[in-house]
Amino acid sequence: MSYRLIGADGRPYSSASPGTLGGHRRLRIYGRLDCPSALRWLARGHYARHRVFFADEATARAAGYRPCRVCSAH
């Protein structure tokens, strides 16, 4: 199985392993995959089309994303 992640350069790439963090492309934030805020938005039918995934925190920051204030991923 192949997963689509965002690299430090902000471009998507295929990976054999899933990402450890999720993010929102338009808001440029990232957080834990179990973030309560993200899960609420996904349950309401929003957010999914803007969702991106990262291998780790360093990659998310290098791509220009900031940590989520709700789940305090930093």
PDB file of N, CA and C in Angstrom:
ATOM      1  N   MET A   1       0.833  -1.174   0.000  1.00  0.00           N
ATOM      2  CA  MET A   1       0.000   0.000   0.000  1.00  0.00           C
ATOM      3  C   MET A   1       0.881   1.241   0.000  1.00  0.00           C
ATOM      4  N   SER A   2       0.439   2.270  -0.674  1.00  0.00           N
ATOM      5  CA  SER A   2       1.182   3.509  -0.764  1.00  0.00           C
ATOM      6  C   SER A   2       0.375   4.659  -0.164  1.00  0.00           C
ATOM      7  N   TYR A   3       1.048   5.521   0.588  1.00  0.00           N
ATOM      8  CA  TYR A   3       0.412   6.671   1.218  1.00  0.00           C
ATOM      9  C   TYR A   3       0.968   7.937   0.584  1.00  0.00           C
ATOM     10  N   ARG A   4       0.159   8.967   0.540  1.00  0.00           N
ATOM     11  CA  ARG A   4       0.581  10.244  -0.037  1.00  0.00           C
ATOM     12  C   ARG A   4       0.867  11.220   1.101  1.00  0.00           C
ATOM     13  N   LEU A   5       2.120  11.615   1.237  1.00  0.00           N
ATOM     14  CA  LEU A   5       2.557  12.536   2.280  1.00  0.00           C
ATOM     15  C   LEU A   5       3.068  13.823   1.654  1.00  0.00           C
ATOM     16  N   ILE A   6       3.210  14.855   2.477  1.00  0.00           N
ATOM     17  CA  ILE A   6       3.787  16.122   2.044  1.00  0.00           C
ATOM     18  C   ILE A   6       5.224  16.174   2.562  1.00  0.00           C
ATOM     19  N   GLY A   7       6.154  16.516   1.687  1.00  0.00           N
ATOM     20  CA  GLY A   7       7.559  16.598   2.063  1.00  0.00           C
ATOM     21  C   GLY A   7       7.936  17.979   2.578  1.00  0.00           C
ATOM     22  N   ALA A   8       9.180  18.129   3.013  1.00  0.00           N
ATOM     23  CA  ALA A   8       9.675  19.396   3.534  1.00  0.00           C
ATOM     24  C   ALA A   8       9.599  20.515   2.506  1.00  0.00           C
ATOM     25  N   ASP A   9       9.613  20.153   1.219  1.00  0.00           N
ATOM     26  CA  ASP A   9       9.514  21.154   0.158  1.00  0.00           C
ATOM     27  C   ASP A   9       8.066  21.522  -0.165  1.00  0.00           C
ATOM     28  N   GLY A  10       7.108  20.931   0.566  1.00  0.00           N
ATOM     29  CA  GLY A  10       5.698  21.223   0.355  1.00  0.00           C
ATOM     30  C   GLY A  10       5.049  20.423  -0.758  1.00  0.00           C
ATOM     31  N   ARG A  11       5.797  19.541  -1.373  1.00  0.00           N
ATOM     32  CA  ARG A  11       5.270  18.732  -2.475  1.00  0.00           C
ATOM     33  C   ARG A  11       4.867  17.348  -1.989  1.00  0.00           C
ATOM     34  N   PRO A  12       3.820  16.790  -2.583  1.00  0.00           N
ATOM     35  CA  PRO A  12       3.400  15.440  -2.205  1.00  0.00           C
ATOM     36  C   PRO A  12       4.359  14.371  -2.735  1.00  0.00           C
ATOM     37  N   TYR A  13       4.447  13.275  -2.009  1.00  0.00           N
ATOM     38  CA  TYR A  13       5.244  12.127  -2.442  1.00  0.00           C
ATOM     39  C   TYR A  13       4.593  10.853  -1.915  1.00  0.00           C
ATOM     40  N   SER A  14       4.909   9.732  -2.515  1.00  0.00           N
ATOM     41  CA  SER A  14       4.378   8.441  -2.085  1.00  0.00           C
ATOM     42  C   SER A  14       5.296   7.827  -1.044  1.00  0.00           C
ATOM     43  N   SER A  15       4.688   7.195  -0.052  1.00  0.00           N
ATOM     44  CA  SER A  15       5.441   6.581   1.032  1.00  0.00           C
ATOM     45  C   SER A  15       4.853   5.209   1.337  1.00  0.00           C
ATOM     46  N   ALA A  16       5.700   4.284   1.760  1.00  0.00           N
ATOM     47  CA  ALA A  16       5.241   2.948   2.139  1.00  0.00           C
ATOM     48  C   ALA A  16       4.601   2.961   3.528  1.00  0.00           C
ATOM     49  N   SER A  17       4.896   3.993   4.333  1.00  0.00           N
ATOM     50  CA  SER A  17       4.316   4.080   5.672  1.00  0.00           C
ATOM     51  C   SER A  17       3.434   5.326   5.789  1.00  0.00           C
ATOM     52  N   PRO A  18       2.391   5.235   6.618  1.00  0.00           N
ATOM     53  CA  PRO A  18       1.485   6.370   6.768  1.00  0.00           C
ATOM     54  C   PRO A  18       2.144   7.506   7.552  1.00  0.00           C
ATOM     55  N   GLY A  19       1.608   8.677   7.423  1.00  0.00           N
ATOM     56  CA  GLY A  19       2.115   9.819   8.176  1.00  0.00           C
ATOM     57  C   GLY A  19       1.755   9.720   9.647  1.00  0.00           C
ATOM     58  N   THR A  20       2.490  10.451  10.467  1.00  0.00           N
ATOM     59  CA  THR A  20       2.227  10.468  11.901  1.00  0.00           C
ATOM     60  C   THR A  20       1.456  11.708  12.321  1.00  0.00           C
ATOM     61  N   LEU A  21       1.369  12.707  11.418  1.00  0.00           N
ATOM     62  CA  LEU A  21       0.666  13.949  11.699  1.00  0.00           C
ATOM     63  C   LEU A  21      -0.241  14.302  10.531  1.00  0.00           C
ATOM     64  N   GLY A  22      -1.354  14.954  10.841  1.00  0.00           N
ATOM     65  CA  GLY A  22      -2.252  15.434   9.809  1.00  0.00           C
ATOM     66  C   GLY A  22      -2.209  16.947   9.773  1.00  0.00           C
ATOM     67  N   GLY A  23      -2.557  17.516   8.645  1.00  0.00           N
ATOM     68  CA  GLY A  23      -2.561  18.967   8.529  1.00  0.00           C
ATOM     69  C   GLY A  23      -3.694  19.453   7.650  1.00  0.00           C
ATOM     70  N   HIS A  24      -3.876  20.761   7.643  1.00  0.00           N
ATOM     71  CA  HIS A  24      -4.889  21.407   6.817  1.00  0.00           C
ATOM     72  C   HIS A  24      -4.160  22.298   5.817  1.00  0.00           C
ATOM     73  N   ARG A  25      -4.301  21.961   4.544  1.00  0.00           N
ATOM     74  CA  ARG A  25      -3.563  22.637   3.484  1.00  0.00           C
ATOM     75  C   ARG A  25      -3.817  24.148   3.457  1.00  0.00           C
ATOM     76  N   ARG A  26      -5.060  24.573   3.570  1.00  0.00           N
ATOM     77  CA  ARG A  26      -5.380  25.998   3.456  1.00  0.00           C
ATOM     78  C   ARG A  26      -4.987  26.786   4.700  1.00  0.00           C
ATOM     79  N   LEU A  27      -5.178  26.202   5.883  1.00  0.00           N
ATOM     80  CA  LEU A  27      -4.839  26.908   7.123  1.00  0.00           C
ATOM     81  C   LEU A  27      -3.362  26.783   7.485  1.00  0.00           C
ATOM     82  N   ARG A  28      -2.691  25.830   6.851  1.00  0.00           N
ATOM     83  CA  ARG A  28      -1.263  25.580   7.083  1.00  0.00           C
ATOM     84  C   ARG A  28      -0.971  25.267   8.551  1.00  0.00           C
ATOM     85  N   ILE A  29      -1.816  24.384   9.135  1.00  0.00           N
ATOM     86  CA  ILE A  29      -1.583  23.905  10.494  1.00  0.00           C
ATOM     87  C   ILE A  29      -1.412  22.391  10.456  1.00  0.00           C
ATOM     88  N   TYR A  30      -0.796  21.849  11.482  1.00  0.00           N
ATOM     89  CA  TYR A  30      -0.657  20.395  11.594  1.00  0.00           C
ATOM     90  C   TYR A  30      -0.877  19.990  13.039  1.00  0.00           C
ATOM     91  N   GLY A  31      -1.228  18.722  13.226  1.00  0.00           N
ATOM     92  CA  GLY A  31      -1.434  18.207  14.576  1.00  0.00           C
ATOM     93  C   GLY A  31      -1.528  16.693  14.578  1.00  0.00           C
ATOM     94  N   ARG A  32      -1.841  16.163  15.748  1.00  0.00           N
ATOM     95  CA  ARG A  32      -1.967  14.717  15.899  1.00  0.00           C
ATOM     96  C   ARG A  32      -3.123  14.201  15.064  1.00  0.00           C
ATOM     97  N   LEU A  33      -3.054  12.959  14.657  1.00  0.00           N
ATOM     98  CA  LEU A  33      -4.136  12.359  13.879  1.00  0.00           C
ATOM     99  C   LEU A  33      -5.411  12.203  14.707  1.00  0.00           C
ATOM    100  N   ASP A  34      -5.285  12.175  16.023  1.00  0.00           N
ATOM    101  CA  ASP A  34      -6.450  12.062  16.894  1.00  0.00           C
ATOM    102  C   ASP A  34      -6.863  13.411  17.499  1.00  0.00           C
ATOM    103  N   CYS A  35      -6.467  14.504  16.880  1.00  0.00           N
ATOM    104  CA  CYS A  35      -6.789  15.849  17.368  1.00  0.00           C
ATOM    105  C   CYS A  35      -8.316  16.015  17.453  1.00  0.00           C
ATOM    106  N   PRO A  36      -8.852  16.386  18.616  1.00  0.00           N
ATOM    107  CA  PRO A  36     -10.298  16.533  18.773  1.00  0.00           C
ATOM    108  C   PRO A  36     -10.905  17.551  17.801  1.00  0.00           C
ATOM    109  N   SER A  37     -10.211  18.629  17.558  1.00  0.00           N
ATOM    110  CA  SER A  37     -10.723  19.656  16.656  1.00  0.00           C
ATOM    111  C   SER A  37     -10.841  19.129  15.229  1.00  0.00           C
ATOM    112  N   ALA A  38      -9.791  18.488  14.741  1.00  0.00           N
ATOM    113  CA  ALA A  38      -9.812  17.934  13.377  1.00  0.00           C
ATOM    114  C   ALA A  38     -10.876  16.850  13.251  1.00  0.00           C
ATOM    115  N   LEU A  39     -11.004  16.007  14.249  1.00  0.00           N
ATOM    116  CA  LEU A  39     -12.005  14.934  14.203  1.00  0.00           C
ATOM    117  C   LEU A  39     -13.431  15.494  14.169  1.00  0.00           C
ATOM    118  N   ARG A  40     -13.676  16.593  14.893  1.00  0.00           N
ATOM    119  CA  ARG A  40     -15.002  17.232  14.850  1.00  0.00           C
ATOM    120  C   ARG A  40     -15.301  17.756  13.449  1.00  0.00           C
ATOM    121  N   TRP A  41     -14.335  18.428  12.849  1.00  0.00           N
ATOM    122  CA  TRP A  41     -14.537  18.969  11.494  1.00  0.00           C
ATOM    123  C   TRP A  41     -14.732  17.861  10.479  1.00  0.00           C
ATOM    124  N   LEU A  42     -13.974  16.796  10.594  1.00  0.00           N
ATOM    125  CA  LEU A  42     -14.133  15.658   9.679  1.00  0.00           C
ATOM    126  C   LEU A  42     -15.522  15.025   9.836  1.00  0.00           C
ATOM    127  N   ALA A  43     -16.001  14.906  11.065  1.00  0.00           N
ATOM    128  CA  ALA A  43     -17.319  14.318  11.312  1.00  0.00           C
ATOM    129  C   ALA A  43     -18.441  15.164  10.713  1.00  0.00           C
ATOM    130  N   ARG A  44     -18.218  16.461  10.619  1.00  0.00           N
ATOM    131  CA  ARG A  44     -19.222  17.370  10.047  1.00  0.00           C
ATOM    132  C   ARG A  44     -19.161  17.408   8.520  1.00  0.00           C
ATOM    133  N   GLY A  45     -18.218  16.684   7.949  1.00  0.00           N
ATOM    134  CA  GLY A  45     -18.104  16.638   6.497  1.00  0.00           C
ATOM    135  C   GLY A  45     -17.216  17.721   5.906  1.00  0.00           C
ATOM    136  N   HIS A  46     -16.477  18.414   6.751  1.00  0.00           N
ATOM    137  CA  HIS A  46     -15.564  19.455   6.288  1.00  0.00           C
ATOM    138  C   HIS A  46     -14.136  18.940   6.381  1.00  0.00           C
ATOM    139  N   TYR A  47     -13.218  19.719   5.900  1.00  0.00           N
ATOM    140  CA  TYR A  47     -11.800  19.500   6.183  1.00  0.00           C
ATOM    141  C   TYR A  47     -11.139  18.393   5.360  1.00  0.00           C
ATOM    142  N   ALA A  48     -11.850  17.315   5.036  1.00  0.00           N
ATOM    143  CA  ALA A  48     -11.222  16.155   4.395  1.00  0.00           C
ATOM    144  C   ALA A  48     -10.529  16.510   3.084  1.00  0.00           C
ATOM    145  N   ARG A  49     -11.122  17.363   2.274  1.00  0.00           N
ATOM    146  CA  ARG A  49     -10.499  17.674   0.980  1.00  0.00           C
ATOM    147  C   ARG A  49      -9.242  18.528   1.126  1.00  0.00           C
ATOM    148  N   HIS A  50      -9.052  19.139   2.286  1.00  0.00           N
ATOM    149  CA  HIS A  50      -7.870  19.968   2.527  1.00  0.00           C
ATOM    150  C   HIS A  50      -6.838  19.260   3.408  1.00  0.00           C
ATOM    151  N   ARG A  51      -7.116  18.019   3.778  1.00  0.00           N
ATOM    152  CA  ARG A  51      -6.245  17.297   4.706  1.00  0.00           C
ATOM    153  C   ARG A  51      -4.991  16.796   4.007  1.00  0.00           C
ATOM    154  N   VAL A  52      -3.874  16.965   4.664  1.00  0.00           N
ATOM    155  CA  VAL A  52      -2.584  16.466   4.189  1.00  0.00           C
ATOM    156  C   VAL A  52      -1.915  15.725   5.346  1.00  0.00           C
ATOM    157  N   PHE A  53      -0.897  14.956   5.040  1.00  0.00           N
ATOM    158  CA  PHE A  53      -0.222  14.155   6.061  1.00  0.00           C
ATOM    159  C   PHE A  53       1.288  14.345   5.986  1.00  0.00           C
ATOM    160  N   PHE A  54       1.916  14.247   7.144  1.00  0.00           N
ATOM    161  CA  PHE A  54       3.362  14.430   7.261  1.00  0.00           C
ATOM    162  C   PHE A  54       3.993  13.243   7.976  1.00  0.00           C
ATOM    163  N   ALA A  55       5.231  12.953   7.635  1.00  0.00           N
ATOM    164  CA  ALA A  55       5.971  11.865   8.284  1.00  0.00           C
ATOM    165  C   ALA A  55       6.307  12.225   9.725  1.00  0.00           C
ATOM    166  N   ASP A  56       6.623  13.506   9.968  1.00  0.00           N
ATOM    167  CA  ASP A  56       7.016  13.933  11.309  1.00  0.00           C
ATOM    168  C   ASP A  56       6.884  15.448  11.448  1.00  0.00           C
ATOM    169  N   GLU A  57       7.110  15.930  12.653  1.00  0.00           N
ATOM    170  CA  GLU A  57       6.965  17.347  12.955  1.00  0.00           C
ATOM    171  C   GLU A  57       7.971  18.216  12.203  1.00  0.00           C
ATOM    172  N   ALA A  58       9.208  17.755  12.105  1.00  0.00           N
ATOM    173  CA  ALA A  58      10.232  18.539  11.411  1.00  0.00           C
ATOM    174  C   ALA A  58       9.848  18.781   9.949  1.00  0.00           C
ATOM    175  N   THR A  59       9.284  17.775   9.313  1.00  0.00           N
ATOM    176  CA  THR A  59       8.858  17.913   7.917  1.00  0.00           C
ATOM    177  C   THR A  59       7.708  18.903   7.801  1.00  0.00           C
ATOM    178  N   ALA A  60       6.742  18.822   8.708  1.00  0.00           N
ATOM    179  CA  ALA A  60       5.606  19.743   8.687  1.00  0.00           C
ATOM    180  C   ALA A  60       6.079  21.186   8.845  1.00  0.00           C
ATOM    181  N   ARG A  61       6.964  21.427   9.779  1.00  0.00           N
ATOM    182  CA  ARG A  61       7.491  22.786   9.997  1.00  0.00           C
ATOM    183  C   ARG A  61       8.296  23.267   8.794  1.00  0.00           C
ATOM    184  N   ALA A  62       9.119  22.397   8.232  1.00  0.00           N
ATOM    185  CA  ALA A  62       9.920  22.768   7.064  1.00  0.00           C
ATOM    186  C   ALA A  62       9.038  23.116   5.869  1.00  0.00           C
ATOM    187  N   ALA A  63       7.858  22.494   5.790  1.00  0.00           N
ATOM    188  CA  ALA A  63       6.923  22.769   4.695  1.00  0.00           C
ATOM    189  C   ALA A  63       6.125  24.049   4.941  1.00  0.00           C
ATOM    190  N   GLY A  64       6.346  24.692   6.093  1.00  0.00           N
ATOM    191  CA  GLY A  64       5.688  25.961   6.375  1.00  0.00           C
ATOM    192  C   GLY A  64       4.407  25.867   7.173  1.00  0.00           C
ATOM    193  N   TYR A  65       4.192  24.748   7.864  1.00  0.00           N
ATOM    194  CA  TYR A  65       2.994  24.560   8.677  1.00  0.00           C
ATOM    195  C   TYR A  65       3.311  24.872  10.135  1.00  0.00           C
ATOM    196  N   ARG A  66       2.299  25.305  10.872  1.00  0.00           N
ATOM    197  CA  ARG A  66       2.463  25.607  12.302  1.00  0.00           C
ATOM    198  C   ARG A  66       1.665  24.592  13.117  1.00  0.00           C
ATOM    199  N   PRO A  67       2.015  24.405  14.393  1.00  0.00           N
ATOM    200  CA  PRO A  67       1.303  23.427  15.217  1.00  0.00           C
ATOM    201  C   PRO A  67      -0.122  23.860  15.550  1.00  0.00           C
ATOM    202  N   CYS A  68      -0.982  22.888  15.721  1.00  0.00           N
ATOM    203  CA  CYS A  68      -2.366  23.109  16.137  1.00  0.00           C
ATOM    204  C   CYS A  68      -2.385  23.535  17.606  1.00  0.00           C
ATOM    205  N   ARG A  69      -3.164  24.533  17.933  1.00  0.00           N
ATOM    206  CA  ARG A  69      -3.258  24.981  19.328  1.00  0.00           C
ATOM    207  C   ARG A  69      -4.113  24.040  20.172  1.00  0.00           C
ATOM    208  N   VAL A  70      -5.020  23.317  19.533  1.00  0.00           N
ATOM    209  CA  VAL A  70      -5.925  22.439  20.283  1.00  0.00           C
ATOM    210  C   VAL A  70      -5.194  21.210  20.811  1.00  0.00           C
ATOM    211  N   CYS A  71      -4.473  20.526  19.950  1.00  0.00           N
ATOM    212  CA  CYS A  71      -3.803  19.296  20.397  1.00  0.00           C
ATOM    213  C   CYS A  71      -2.355  19.552  20.821  1.00  0.00           C
ATOM    214  N   SER A  72      -1.917  20.788  20.707  1.00  0.00           N
ATOM    215  CA  SER A  72      -0.581  21.199  21.176  1.00  0.00           C
ATOM    216  C   SER A  72       0.556  20.369  20.586  1.00  0.00           C
ATOM    217  N   ALA A  73       0.454  20.026  19.332  1.00  0.00           N
ATOM    218  CA  ALA A  73       1.543  19.286  18.670  1.00  0.00           C
ATOM    219  C   ALA A  73       2.668  20.278  18.398  1.00  0.00           C
ATOM    220  N   HIS A  74       3.736  20.141  19.091  1.00  0.00           N
ATOM    221  CA  HIS A  74       4.896  21.009  18.866  1.00  0.00           C
ATOM    222  C   HIS A  74       6.152  20.389  19.371  1.00  0.00           C
TER     223      HIS A  74
END
